All heavy atoms as atom14 arrays in JSON, in Angstrom:
{
  "sequence": "DAISADHLEYLGQDGIDAMAEHGTVAVLLPGAYYTLRETQLPPIQG",
  "atom14_mask": [
    [1, 1, 1, 1, 1, 1, 1, 1, 0, 0, 0, 0, 0, 0],
    [1, 1, 1, 1, 1, 0, 0, 0, 0, 0, 0, 0, 0, 0],
    [1, 1, 1, 1, 1, 1, 1, 1, 0, 0, 0, 0, 0, 0],
    [1, 1, 1, 1, 1, 1, 0, 0, 0, 0, 0, 0, 0, 0],
    [1, 1, 1, 1, 1, 0, 0, 0, 0, 0, 0, 0, 0, 0],
    [1, 1, 1, 1, 1, 1, 1, 1, 0, 0, 0, 0, 0, 0],
    [1, 1, 1, 1, 1, 1, 1, 1, 1, 1, 0, 0, 0, 0],
    [1, 1, 1, 1, 1, 1, 1, 1, 0, 0, 0, 0, 0, 0],
    [1, 1, 1, 1, 1, 1, 1, 1, 1, 0, 0, 0, 0, 0],
    [1, 1, 1, 1, 1, 1, 1, 1, 1, 1, 1, 1, 0, 0],
    [1, 1, 1, 1, 1, 1, 1, 1, 0, 0, 0, 0, 0, 0],
    [1, 1, 1, 1, 0, 0, 0, 0, 0, 0, 0, 0, 0, 0],
    [1, 1, 1, 1, 1, 1, 1, 1, 1, 0, 0, 0, 0, 0],
    [1, 1, 1, 1, 1, 1, 1, 1, 0, 0, 0, 0, 0, 0],
    [1, 1, 1, 1, 0, 0, 0, 0, 0, 0, 0, 0, 0, 0],
    [1, 1, 1, 1, 1, 1, 1, 1, 0, 0, 0, 0, 0, 0],
    [1, 1, 1, 1, 1, 1, 1, 1, 0, 0, 0, 0, 0, 0],
    [1, 1, 1, 1, 1, 0, 0, 0, 0, 0, 0, 0, 0, 0],
    [1, 1, 1, 1, 1, 1, 1, 1, 0, 0, 0, 0, 0, 0],
    [1, 1, 1, 1, 1, 0, 0, 0, 0, 0, 0, 0, 0, 0],
    [1, 1, 1, 1, 1, 1, 1, 1, 1, 0, 0, 0, 0, 0],
    [1, 1, 1, 1, 1, 1, 1, 1, 1, 1, 0, 0, 0, 0],
    [1, 1, 1, 1, 0, 0, 0, 0, 0, 0, 0, 0, 0, 0],
    [1, 1, 1, 1, 1, 1, 1, 0, 0, 0, 0, 0, 0, 0],
    [1, 1, 1, 1, 1, 1, 1, 0, 0, 0, 0, 0, 0, 0],
    [1, 1, 1, 1, 1, 0, 0, 0, 0, 0, 0, 0, 0, 0],
    [1, 1, 1, 1, 1, 1, 1, 0, 0, 0, 0, 0, 0, 0],
    [1, 1, 1, 1, 1, 1, 1, 1, 0, 0, 0, 0, 0, 0],
    [1, 1, 1, 1, 1, 1, 1, 1, 0, 0, 0, 0, 0, 0],
    [1, 1, 1, 1, 1, 1, 1, 0, 0, 0, 0, 0, 0, 0],
    [1, 1, 1, 1, 0, 0, 0, 0, 0, 0, 0, 0, 0, 0],
    [1, 1, 1, 1, 1, 0, 0, 0, 0, 0, 0, 0, 0, 0],
    [1, 1, 1, 1, 1, 1, 1, 1, 1, 1, 1, 1, 0, 0],
    [1, 1, 1, 1, 1, 1, 1, 1, 1, 1, 1, 1, 0, 0],
    [1, 1, 1, 1, 1, 1, 1, 0, 0, 0, 0, 0, 0, 0],
    [1, 1, 1, 1, 1, 1, 1, 1, 0, 0, 0, 0, 0, 0],
    [1, 1, 1, 1, 1, 1, 1, 1, 1, 1, 1, 0, 0, 0],
    [1, 1, 1, 1, 1, 1, 1, 1, 1, 0, 0, 0, 0, 0],
    [1, 1, 1, 1, 1, 1, 1, 0, 0, 0, 0, 0, 0, 0],
    [1, 1, 1, 1, 1, 1, 1, 1, 1, 0, 0, 0, 0, 0],
    [1, 1, 1, 1, 1, 1, 1, 1, 0, 0, 0, 0, 0, 0],
    [1, 1, 1, 1, 1, 1, 1, 0, 0, 0, 0, 0, 0, 0],
    [1, 1, 1, 1, 1, 1, 1, 0, 0, 0, 0, 0, 0, 0],
    [1, 1, 1, 1, 1, 1, 1, 1, 0, 0, 0, 0, 0, 0],
    [1, 1, 1, 1, 1, 1, 1, 1, 1, 0, 0, 0, 0, 0],
    [1, 1, 1, 1, 0, 0, 0, 0, 0, 0, 0, 0, 0, 0]
  ],
  "atom14_positions": [
    [[0.81, -1.22, 0.0], [0.0, 0.0, 0.0], [0.84, 1.27, 0.0], [0.51, 2.27, 0.67], [-0.98, 0.01, 1.18], [-2.03, -1.09, 1.06], [-2.51, -1.32, -0.07], [-2.36, -1.72, 2.07], [0.0, 0.0, 0.0], [0.0, 0.0, 0.0], [0.0, 0.0, 0.0], [0.0, 0.0, 0.0], [0.0, 0.0, 0.0], [0.0, 0.0, 0.0]],
    [[1.93, 1.25, -0.75], [2.73, 2.45, -0.92], [1.89, 3.57, -1.53], [1.06, 3.31, -2.41], [3.94, 2.17, -1.8], [0.0, 0.0, 0.0], [0.0, 0.0, 0.0], [0.0, 0.0, 0.0], [0.0, 0.0, 0.0], [0.0, 0.0, 0.0], [0.0, 0.0, 0.0], [0.0, 0.0, 0.0], [0.0, 0.0, 0.0], [0.0, 0.0, 0.0]],
    [[2.13, 4.8, -1.09], [1.39, 5.92, -1.67], [1.91, 6.25, -3.06], [1.16, 6.76, -3.9], [1.42, 7.16, -0.75], [2.84, 7.51, -0.32], [0.52, 6.93, 0.45], [2.94, 8.75, 0.53], [0.0, 0.0, 0.0], [0.0, 0.0, 0.0], [0.0, 0.0, 0.0], [0.0, 0.0, 0.0], [0.0, 0.0, 0.0], [0.0, 0.0, 0.0]],
    [[3.18, 5.96, -3.34], [3.7, 6.22, -4.68], [4.87, 5.31, -5.0], [5.55, 4.8, -4.1], [4.13, 7.69, -4.84], [5.37, 7.94, -4.2], [0.0, 0.0, 0.0], [0.0, 0.0, 0.0], [0.0, 0.0, 0.0], [0.0, 0.0, 0.0], [0.0, 0.0, 0.0], [0.0, 0.0, 0.0], [0.0, 0.0, 0.0], [0.0, 0.0, 0.0]],
    [[5.1, 5.12, -6.29], [6.34, 4.55, -6.81], [6.82, 5.53, -7.87], [6.04, 6.0, -8.7], [6.1, 3.17, -7.41], [0.0, 0.0, 0.0], [0.0, 0.0, 0.0], [0.0, 0.0, 0.0], [0.0, 0.0, 0.0], [0.0, 0.0, 0.0], [0.0, 0.0, 0.0], [0.0, 0.0, 0.0], [0.0, 0.0, 0.0], [0.0, 0.0, 0.0]],
    [[8.13, 5.84, -7.84], [8.65, 6.98, -8.57], [9.75, 6.59, -9.56], [10.5, 5.66, -9.31], [9.2, 8.02, -7.59], [8.17, 8.47, -6.55], [7.25, 7.69, -6.24], [8.28, 9.59, -6.04], [0.0, 0.0, 0.0], [0.0, 0.0, 0.0], [0.0, 0.0, 0.0], [0.0, 0.0, 0.0], [0.0, 0.0, 0.0], [0.0, 0.0, 0.0]],
    [[9.85, 7.32, -10.64], [10.73, 7.11, -11.8], [10.04, 6.2, -12.8], [9.47, 6.66, -13.77], [12.12, 6.57, -11.41], [13.03, 7.6, -10.84], [13.55, 8.64, -11.57], [13.53, 7.74, -9.58], [14.33, 9.38, -10.81], [14.33, 8.87, -9.59], [0.0, 0.0, 0.0], [0.0, 0.0, 0.0], [0.0, 0.0, 0.0], [0.0, 0.0, 0.0]],
    [[10.2, 4.87, -12.68], [9.38, 3.88, -13.38], [9.64, 3.71, -14.87], [8.82, 3.14, -15.59], [7.88, 4.17, -13.18], [7.4, 4.28, -11.73], [5.92, 4.61, -11.69], [7.69, 3.0, -10.96], [0.0, 0.0, 0.0], [0.0, 0.0, 0.0], [0.0, 0.0, 0.0], [0.0, 0.0, 0.0], [0.0, 0.0, 0.0], [0.0, 0.0, 0.0]],
    [[10.8, 4.14, -15.36], [11.07, 3.97, -16.79], [11.01, 2.51, -17.23], [10.6, 2.2, -18.35], [12.46, 4.55, -17.13], [12.49, 6.07, -17.22], [12.72, 6.77, -15.9], [12.52, 6.13, -14.84], [13.08, 7.96, -15.9], [0.0, 0.0, 0.0], [0.0, 0.0, 0.0], [0.0, 0.0, 0.0], [0.0, 0.0, 0.0], [0.0, 0.0, 0.0]],
    [[11.42, 1.58, -16.36], [11.47, 0.16, -16.72], [10.34, -0.65, -16.07], [10.42, -1.88, -15.98], [12.83, -0.43, -16.36], [13.94, 0.04, -17.28], [14.58, 1.25, -17.08], [14.32, -0.72, -18.39], [15.57, 1.7, -17.94], [15.32, -0.29, -19.25], [15.94, 0.92, -19.02], [16.92, 1.37, -19.88], [0.0, 0.0, 0.0], [0.0, 0.0, 0.0]],
    [[9.28, 0.02, -15.66], [8.16, -0.66, -15.02], [7.49, -1.65, -15.96], [7.17, -1.31, -17.11], [7.13, 0.39, -14.56], [5.88, -0.13, -13.87], [6.22, -0.72, -12.51], [4.87, 1.01, -13.71], [0.0, 0.0, 0.0], [0.0, 0.0, 0.0], [0.0, 0.0, 0.0], [0.0, 0.0, 0.0], [0.0, 0.0, 0.0], [0.0, 0.0, 0.0]],
    [[7.27, -2.87, -15.49], [6.6, -3.91, -16.26], [5.13, -4.01, -15.94], [4.61, -3.33, -15.05], [0.0, 0.0, 0.0], [0.0, 0.0, 0.0], [0.0, 0.0, 0.0], [0.0, 0.0, 0.0], [0.0, 0.0, 0.0], [0.0, 0.0, 0.0], [0.0, 0.0, 0.0], [0.0, 0.0, 0.0], [0.0, 0.0, 0.0], [0.0, 0.0, 0.0]],
    [[4.45, -4.9, -16.65], [3.01, -5.02, -16.49], [2.62, -5.48, -15.09], [1.59, -5.06, -14.55], [2.43, -6.0, -17.52], [0.91, -6.0, -17.58], [0.34, -4.64, -17.96], [0.79, -4.02, -18.93], [-0.66, -4.16, -17.22], [0.0, 0.0, 0.0], [0.0, 0.0, 0.0], [0.0, 0.0, 0.0], [0.0, 0.0, 0.0], [0.0, 0.0, 0.0]],
    [[3.45, -6.34, -14.47], [3.12, -6.79, -13.12], [3.12, -5.62, -12.15], [2.27, -5.53, -11.25], [4.08, -7.88, -12.65], [5.53, -7.44, -12.68], [5.87, -6.49, -13.43], [6.35, -8.04, -11.95], [0.0, 0.0, 0.0], [0.0, 0.0, 0.0], [0.0, 0.0, 0.0], [0.0, 0.0, 0.0], [0.0, 0.0, 0.0], [0.0, 0.0, 0.0]],
    [[4.06, -4.71, -12.33], [4.1, -3.53, -11.48], [2.92, -2.62, -11.73], [2.33, -2.07, -10.79], [0.0, 0.0, 0.0], [0.0, 0.0, 0.0], [0.0, 0.0, 0.0], [0.0, 0.0, 0.0], [0.0, 0.0, 0.0], [0.0, 0.0, 0.0], [0.0, 0.0, 0.0], [0.0, 0.0, 0.0], [0.0, 0.0, 0.0], [0.0, 0.0, 0.0]],
    [[2.56, -2.43, -13.0], [1.39, -1.61, -13.33], [0.14, -2.19, -12.69], [-0.66, -1.47, -12.07], [1.22, -1.52, -14.86], [2.37, -0.74, -15.49], [-0.13, -0.88, -15.22], [2.36, -0.75, -17.01], [0.0, 0.0, 0.0], [0.0, 0.0, 0.0], [0.0, 0.0, 0.0], [0.0, 0.0, 0.0], [0.0, 0.0, 0.0], [0.0, 0.0, 0.0]],
    [[-0.04, -3.51, -12.81], [-1.23, -4.16, -12.26], [-1.3, -4.0, -10.74], [-2.37, -3.72, -10.18], [-1.25, -5.63, -12.63], [-1.45, -5.87, -14.12], [-1.91, -4.94, -14.83], [-1.14, -6.98, -14.59], [0.0, 0.0, 0.0], [0.0, 0.0, 0.0], [0.0, 0.0, 0.0], [0.0, 0.0, 0.0], [0.0, 0.0, 0.0], [0.0, 0.0, 0.0]],
    [[-0.17, -4.17, -10.07], [-0.15, -4.04, -8.62], [-0.45, -2.61, -8.19], [-1.19, -2.37, -7.22], [1.21, -4.48, -8.07], [0.0, 0.0, 0.0], [0.0, 0.0, 0.0], [0.0, 0.0, 0.0], [0.0, 0.0, 0.0], [0.0, 0.0, 0.0], [0.0, 0.0, 0.0], [0.0, 0.0, 0.0], [0.0, 0.0, 0.0], [0.0, 0.0, 0.0]],
    [[0.11, -1.64, -8.91], [-0.15, -0.23, -8.58], [-1.62, 0.11, -8.78], [-2.22, 0.82, -7.98], [0.75, 0.67, -9.4], [2.23, 0.55, -9.04], [3.32, 1.51, -10.12], [2.86, 3.19, -9.65], [0.0, 0.0, 0.0], [0.0, 0.0, 0.0], [0.0, 0.0, 0.0], [0.0, 0.0, 0.0], [0.0, 0.0, 0.0], [0.0, 0.0, 0.0]],
    [[-2.21, -0.39, -9.86], [-3.62, -0.14, -10.12], [-4.5, -0.76, -9.03], [-5.45, -0.13, -8.55], [-4.01, -0.7, -11.48], [0.0, 0.0, 0.0], [0.0, 0.0, 0.0], [0.0, 0.0, 0.0], [0.0, 0.0, 0.0], [0.0, 0.0, 0.0], [0.0, 0.0, 0.0], [0.0, 0.0, 0.0], [0.0, 0.0, 0.0], [0.0, 0.0, 0.0]],
    [[-4.16, -1.97, -8.61], [-4.97, -2.66, -7.61], [-4.93, -1.96, -6.26], [-5.94, -1.9, -5.55], [-4.46, -4.1, -7.46], [-5.23, -4.92, -6.43], [-4.73, -6.34, -6.28], [-3.86, -6.75, -7.08], [-5.21, -7.05, -5.37], [0.0, 0.0, 0.0], [0.0, 0.0, 0.0], [0.0, 0.0, 0.0], [0.0, 0.0, 0.0], [0.0, 0.0, 0.0]],
    [[-3.78, -1.4, -5.91], [-3.6, -0.84, -4.56], [-3.67, 0.69, -4.53], [-3.5, 1.28, -3.46], [-2.28, -1.32, -3.98], [-2.26, -2.8, -3.7], [-2.7, -3.35, -2.52], [-1.87, -3.84, -4.49], [-2.57, -4.66, -2.57], [-2.07, -4.99, -3.75], [0.0, 0.0, 0.0], [0.0, 0.0, 0.0], [0.0, 0.0, 0.0], [0.0, 0.0, 0.0]],
    [[-3.91, 1.32, -5.67], [-4.05, 2.77, -5.68], [-2.76, 3.54, -5.52], [-2.76, 4.71, -5.1], [0.0, 0.0, 0.0], [0.0, 0.0, 0.0], [0.0, 0.0, 0.0], [0.0, 0.0, 0.0], [0.0, 0.0, 0.0], [0.0, 0.0, 0.0], [0.0, 0.0, 0.0], [0.0, 0.0, 0.0], [0.0, 0.0, 0.0], [0.0, 0.0, 0.0]],
    [[-1.64, 2.91, -5.86], [-0.34, 3.56, -5.76], [-0.14, 4.52, -6.93], [-0.36, 4.17, -8.09], [0.79, 2.51, -5.76], [0.59, 1.62, -4.65], [2.15, 3.16, -5.65], [0.0, 0.0, 0.0], [0.0, 0.0, 0.0], [0.0, 0.0, 0.0], [0.0, 0.0, 0.0], [0.0, 0.0, 0.0], [0.0, 0.0, 0.0], [0.0, 0.0, 0.0]],
    [[0.26, 5.75, -6.64], [0.44, 6.77, -7.67], [1.79, 6.58, -8.37], [2.8, 6.3, -7.73], [0.37, 8.18, -7.06], [0.63, 9.26, -8.11], [-0.98, 8.4, -6.39], [0.0, 0.0, 0.0], [0.0, 0.0, 0.0], [0.0, 0.0, 0.0], [0.0, 0.0, 0.0], [0.0, 0.0, 0.0], [0.0, 0.0, 0.0], [0.0, 0.0, 0.0]],
    [[1.79, 6.73, -9.68], [3.03, 6.71, -10.47], [3.56, 8.13, -10.55], [2.93, 9.0, -11.15], [2.76, 6.17, -11.87], [0.0, 0.0, 0.0], [0.0, 0.0, 0.0], [0.0, 0.0, 0.0], [0.0, 0.0, 0.0], [0.0, 0.0, 0.0], [0.0, 0.0, 0.0], [0.0, 0.0, 0.0], [0.0, 0.0, 0.0], [0.0, 0.0, 0.0]],
    [[4.72, 8.38, -9.94], [5.34, 9.71, -9.99], [6.44, 9.68, -11.04], [7.45, 8.99, -10.87], [5.9, 10.12, -8.62], [6.57, 11.49, -8.72], [4.79, 10.16, -7.57], [0.0, 0.0, 0.0], [0.0, 0.0, 0.0], [0.0, 0.0, 0.0], [0.0, 0.0, 0.0], [0.0, 0.0, 0.0], [0.0, 0.0, 0.0], [0.0, 0.0, 0.0]],
    [[6.24, 10.42, -12.12], [7.2, 10.46, -13.21], [8.07, 11.7, -13.07], [7.61, 12.77, -12.67], [6.48, 10.46, -14.55], [5.49, 9.31, -14.77], [4.92, 9.35, -16.18], [6.13, 7.96, -14.48], [0.0, 0.0, 0.0], [0.0, 0.0, 0.0], [0.0, 0.0, 0.0], [0.0, 0.0, 0.0], [0.0, 0.0, 0.0], [0.0, 0.0, 0.0]],
    [[9.36, 11.55, -13.41], [10.35, 12.58, -13.15], [11.1, 12.92, -14.43], [12.22, 12.45, -14.67], [11.31, 12.1, -12.05], [10.59, 11.63, -10.77], [11.56, 10.94, -9.82], [9.91, 12.8, -10.08], [0.0, 0.0, 0.0], [0.0, 0.0, 0.0], [0.0, 0.0, 0.0], [0.0, 0.0, 0.0], [0.0, 0.0, 0.0], [0.0, 0.0, 0.0]],
    [[10.5, 13.74, -15.27], [11.1, 14.01, -16.58], [12.41, 14.77, -16.51], [13.2, 14.72, -17.45], [10.02, 14.82, -17.31], [9.2, 15.43, -16.22], [9.19, 14.41, -15.12], [0.0, 0.0, 0.0], [0.0, 0.0, 0.0], [0.0, 0.0, 0.0], [0.0, 0.0, 0.0], [0.0, 0.0, 0.0], [0.0, 0.0, 0.0], [0.0, 0.0, 0.0]],
    [[12.67, 15.48, -15.41], [13.94, 16.18, -15.28], [15.11, 15.22, -15.27], [16.15, 15.48, -15.9], [0.0, 0.0, 0.0], [0.0, 0.0, 0.0], [0.0, 0.0, 0.0], [0.0, 0.0, 0.0], [0.0, 0.0, 0.0], [0.0, 0.0, 0.0], [0.0, 0.0, 0.0], [0.0, 0.0, 0.0], [0.0, 0.0, 0.0], [0.0, 0.0, 0.0]],
    [[14.98, 14.1, -14.56], [16.03, 13.1, -14.54], [16.15, 12.41, -15.9], [17.26, 12.13, -16.38], [15.76, 12.08, -13.43], [0.0, 0.0, 0.0], [0.0, 0.0, 0.0], [0.0, 0.0, 0.0], [0.0, 0.0, 0.0], [0.0, 0.0, 0.0], [0.0, 0.0, 0.0], [0.0, 0.0, 0.0], [0.0, 0.0, 0.0], [0.0, 0.0, 0.0]],
    [[15.01, 12.11, -16.51], [15.01, 11.51, -17.85], [15.77, 12.4, -18.82], [16.61, 11.94, -19.6], [13.55, 11.33, -18.3], [13.36, 10.72, -19.66], [13.19, 9.36, -19.82], [13.32, 11.53, -20.8], [13.0, 8.8, -21.08], [13.14, 10.98, -22.06], [12.97, 9.62, -22.2], [12.8, 9.07, -23.45], [0.0, 0.0, 0.0], [0.0, 0.0, 0.0]],
    [[15.53, 13.69, -18.76], [16.18, 14.66, -19.64], [17.67, 14.77, -19.34], [18.51, 14.7, -20.24], [15.48, 16.0, -19.46], [16.15, 17.19, -20.1], [15.92, 17.51, -21.43], [17.0, 18.01, -19.37], [16.52, 18.62, -22.02], [17.61, 19.12, -19.94], [17.37, 19.42, -21.26], [17.98, 20.51, -21.83], [0.0, 0.0, 0.0], [0.0, 0.0, 0.0]],
    [[18.01, 14.95, -18.07], [19.41, 15.18, -17.69], [20.28, 13.98, -18.01], [21.43, 14.13, -18.45], [19.5, 15.53, -16.2], [18.71, 16.7, -15.94], [20.94, 15.79, -15.77], [0.0, 0.0, 0.0], [0.0, 0.0, 0.0], [0.0, 0.0, 0.0], [0.0, 0.0, 0.0], [0.0, 0.0, 0.0], [0.0, 0.0, 0.0], [0.0, 0.0, 0.0]],
    [[19.75, 12.78, -17.78], [20.5, 11.56, -18.04], [20.44, 11.14, -19.51], [21.06, 10.13, -19.88], [19.97, 10.43, -17.16], [20.17, 10.61, -15.65], [19.46, 9.51, -14.88], [21.66, 10.65, -15.3], [0.0, 0.0, 0.0], [0.0, 0.0, 0.0], [0.0, 0.0, 0.0], [0.0, 0.0, 0.0], [0.0, 0.0, 0.0], [0.0, 0.0, 0.0]],
    [[19.71, 11.87, -20.3], [19.52, 11.54, -21.73], [19.03, 10.11, -21.87], [19.48, 9.35, -22.74], [20.82, 11.78, -22.51], [21.31, 13.22, -22.4], [22.63, 13.45, -23.08], [22.5, 13.38, -24.53], [23.52, 13.53, -25.36], [24.74, 13.76, -24.89], [23.33, 13.46, -26.67], [0.0, 0.0, 0.0], [0.0, 0.0, 0.0], [0.0, 0.0, 0.0]],
    [[18.08, 9.76, -21.04], [17.48, 8.43, -21.04], [16.69, 8.23, -22.34], [16.21, 9.18, -22.96], [16.55, 8.29, -19.82], [15.85, 6.97, -19.67], [16.8, 5.8, -19.56], [17.4, 5.61, -18.49], [16.96, 5.09, -20.59], [0.0, 0.0, 0.0], [0.0, 0.0, 0.0], [0.0, 0.0, 0.0], [0.0, 0.0, 0.0], [0.0, 0.0, 0.0]],
    [[16.59, 7.0, -22.77], [15.82, 6.68, -23.97], [14.64, 5.75, -23.68], [13.78, 5.57, -24.54], [16.72, 6.02, -25.03], [17.32, 4.85, -24.48], [17.81, 7.0, -25.48], [0.0, 0.0, 0.0], [0.0, 0.0, 0.0], [0.0, 0.0, 0.0], [0.0, 0.0, 0.0], [0.0, 0.0, 0.0], [0.0, 0.0, 0.0], [0.0, 0.0, 0.0]],
    [[14.63, 5.16, -22.48], [13.55, 4.26, -22.09], [12.41, 5.08, -21.48], [12.52, 5.6, -20.38], [14.04, 3.22, -21.09], [12.97, 2.3, -20.54], [12.54, 1.23, -21.51], [13.29, 0.87, -22.41], [11.33, 0.73, -21.35], [0.0, 0.0, 0.0], [0.0, 0.0, 0.0], [0.0, 0.0, 0.0], [0.0, 0.0, 0.0], [0.0, 0.0, 0.0]],
    [[11.31, 5.2, -22.2], [10.17, 5.95, -21.7], [9.4, 5.17, -20.64], [9.28, 3.94, -20.75], [9.21, 6.3, -22.83], [9.63, 7.42, -23.79], [8.77, 7.38, -25.04], [9.52, 8.77, -23.09], [0.0, 0.0, 0.0], [0.0, 0.0, 0.0], [0.0, 0.0, 0.0], [0.0, 0.0, 0.0], [0.0, 0.0, 0.0], [0.0, 0.0, 0.0]],
    [[8.85, 5.83, -19.63], [7.92, 5.14, -18.73], [6.73, 4.62, -19.53], [6.38, 5.19, -20.57], [7.5, 6.23, -17.74], [8.5, 7.32, -17.89], [9.0, 7.26, -19.3], [0.0, 0.0, 0.0], [0.0, 0.0, 0.0], [0.0, 0.0, 0.0], [0.0, 0.0, 0.0], [0.0, 0.0, 0.0], [0.0, 0.0, 0.0], [0.0, 0.0, 0.0]],
    [[6.08, 3.57, -19.06], [4.95, 2.98, -19.81], [3.67, 3.8, -19.63], [2.71, 3.37, -18.99], [4.82, 1.58, -19.2], [5.28, 1.77, -17.78], [6.39, 2.78, -17.84], [0.0, 0.0, 0.0], [0.0, 0.0, 0.0], [0.0, 0.0, 0.0], [0.0, 0.0, 0.0], [0.0, 0.0, 0.0], [0.0, 0.0, 0.0], [0.0, 0.0, 0.0]],
    [[3.66, 4.97, -20.24], [2.55, 5.91, -20.04], [1.2, 5.28, -20.42], [0.24, 5.34, -19.65], [2.77, 7.19, -20.88], [4.08, 7.87, -20.49], [1.59, 8.14, -20.7], [4.09, 8.48, -19.14], [0.0, 0.0, 0.0], [0.0, 0.0, 0.0], [0.0, 0.0, 0.0], [0.0, 0.0, 0.0], [0.0, 0.0, 0.0], [0.0, 0.0, 0.0]],
    [[1.14, 4.67, -21.61], [-0.14, 4.13, -22.05], [-0.59, 2.98, -21.16], [-1.79, 2.85, -20.87], [-0.08, 3.68, -23.51], [-1.45, 3.41, -24.12], [-2.36, 4.63, -24.06], [-1.96, 5.73, -24.44], [-3.57, 4.44, -23.57], [0.0, 0.0, 0.0], [0.0, 0.0, 0.0], [0.0, 0.0, 0.0], [0.0, 0.0, 0.0], [0.0, 0.0, 0.0]],
    [[0.34, 2.17, -20.72], [-0.01, 1.08, -19.81], [-0.58, 1.6, -18.5], [-1.54, 1.04, -17.96], [0.0, 0.0, 0.0], [0.0, 0.0, 0.0], [0.0, 0.0, 0.0], [0.0, 0.0, 0.0], [0.0, 0.0, 0.0], [0.0, 0.0, 0.0], [0.0, 0.0, 0.0], [0.0, 0.0, 0.0], [0.0, 0.0, 0.0], [0.0, 0.0, 0.0]]
  ]
}
């Protein structure tokens, strides 16, 4: 029952399902994505 899970670029479907079931908020941090020049997007549509 975590209130949030943060970053989540490599989050899989099992994590998405668990967060949906327990109401855990996905906190996305585009500043880190930008600064690190990351290429793996968080699973927004999922």
